[in-house]
Protein backbone atom coordinates (compact mmCIF):
# COMPACT_ATOMS: atom_id res chain seq x y z
CA MET A 1 0.00 0.00 0.00
CA GLU A 2 1.39 3.38 -1.01
CA GLU A 3 1.52 6.14 1.61
CA GLN A 4 -0.35 9.39 0.97
CA ILE A 5 2.01 12.26 0.20
CA TYR A 6 0.94 15.68 1.47
CA LYS A 7 2.15 19.19 0.72
CA ILE A 8 2.94 21.31 3.78
CA ILE A 9 0.85 24.43 3.30
CA ARG A 10 1.24 26.14 6.69
CA ILE A 11 3.21 25.85 9.93
CA ASP A 12 1.96 27.68 13.04
CA GLU A 13 3.82 27.96 16.34
CA GLU A 14 1.85 27.25 19.51
CA ASP A 15 0.74 30.37 21.36
CA PHE A 16 0.79 30.16 25.16
CA GLY A 17 -0.11 33.80 25.69
CA CYS A 18 1.47 35.73 28.55
CA GLU A 19 1.98 32.56 30.65
CA GLY A 20 4.56 31.23 28.21
CA ARG A 21 5.34 27.62 27.41
CA PRO A 22 5.15 25.25 30.41
CA GLU A 23 8.59 24.36 31.79
CA GLY A 24 10.08 21.24 30.22
CA GLN A 25 7.66 21.17 27.28
CA GLU A 26 9.26 21.01 23.84
CA PRO A 27 8.22 23.74 21.38
CA MET A 28 5.47 22.36 19.13
CA VAL A 29 4.11 23.51 15.78
CA ARG A 30 0.76 22.91 14.10
CA VAL A 31 1.36 21.68 10.54
CA VAL A 32 -1.41 22.00 7.95
CA LEU A 33 -1.11 19.46 5.14
CA GLU A 34 -2.96 19.11 1.84
CA ALA A 35 -3.19 16.02 -0.40
CA ASP A 36 -3.45 16.28 -4.17
CA THR A 37 -7.13 15.33 -3.71
CA GLY A 38 -7.70 18.54 -1.73
CA GLU A 39 -8.01 16.65 1.58
CA THR A 40 -6.45 18.59 4.46
CA MET A 41 -4.96 17.28 7.67
CA ILE A 42 -3.41 18.88 10.77
CA VAL A 43 -0.49 17.29 12.62
CA MET A 44 1.27 18.52 15.78
CA MET A 45 5.05 18.11 15.67
CA GLU A 46 8.03 19.11 17.77
CA ASP A 47 9.56 22.15 16.11
CA ALA A 48 13.06 20.65 16.40
CA LEU A 49 11.95 17.51 14.50
CA MET A 50 10.65 19.67 11.65
CA TYR A 51 14.13 21.21 11.31
CA THR A 52 15.94 17.87 11.72
CA ARG A 53 13.78 16.28 9.02
CA LYS A 54 14.07 19.38 6.80
CA LEU A 55 10.29 19.78 6.57
CA ASP A 56 9.08 23.26 5.63
CA VAL A 57 6.21 25.09 3.93
CA GLY A 58 5.93 24.05 0.30
CA GLY A 59 7.70 20.73 0.92
CA LEU A 60 6.24 17.23 0.83
CA ALA A 61 5.63 14.92 3.78
CA ILE A 62 4.21 11.54 4.69
CA VAL A 63 2.39 10.87 7.96
CA GLY A 64 4.09 7.85 9.52
CA ALA A 65 2.42 5.09 11.51
CA ASP A 66 3.54 6.97 14.64
CA GLY A 67 1.53 10.05 13.55
CA LEU A 68 4.68 12.10 12.89
CA LEU A 69 5.81 13.65 9.62
CA TYR A 70 8.64 12.34 7.47
CA ALA A 71 10.15 13.42 4.17
CA PRO A 72 8.84 10.92 1.55
CA VAL A 73 12.29 9.52 0.63
CA SER A 74 13.52 9.08 4.22
CA TYR A 75 10.30 7.41 5.41
CA THR A 76 10.24 4.96 2.49
CA HIS A 77 13.90 4.13 3.23
CA LEU A 78 13.11 3.51 6.92
CA ARG A 79 10.14 1.25 6.09
CA ALA A 80 12.31 -0.88 3.79
CA HIS A 81 14.37 -1.93 6.82
CA GLU A 82 11.42 -3.08 9.00
């Protein structure tokens, strides 16, 4: 079964208002995705993982079985070794 590839159309940082982010909580972003069918999906990701995986607005991503985003090539490579 082929994974659905999405285009990243928006990335929003969490807003904690004047209280700020709770101590010890990793910065998270809200990622809005769109499939070529027009279907949209929202995924919450650690901001650092987005940078590590080189995922940015306009790029492509696959939602892994763990609910996290992966670049299509890297995720397919990882699945081949399962």
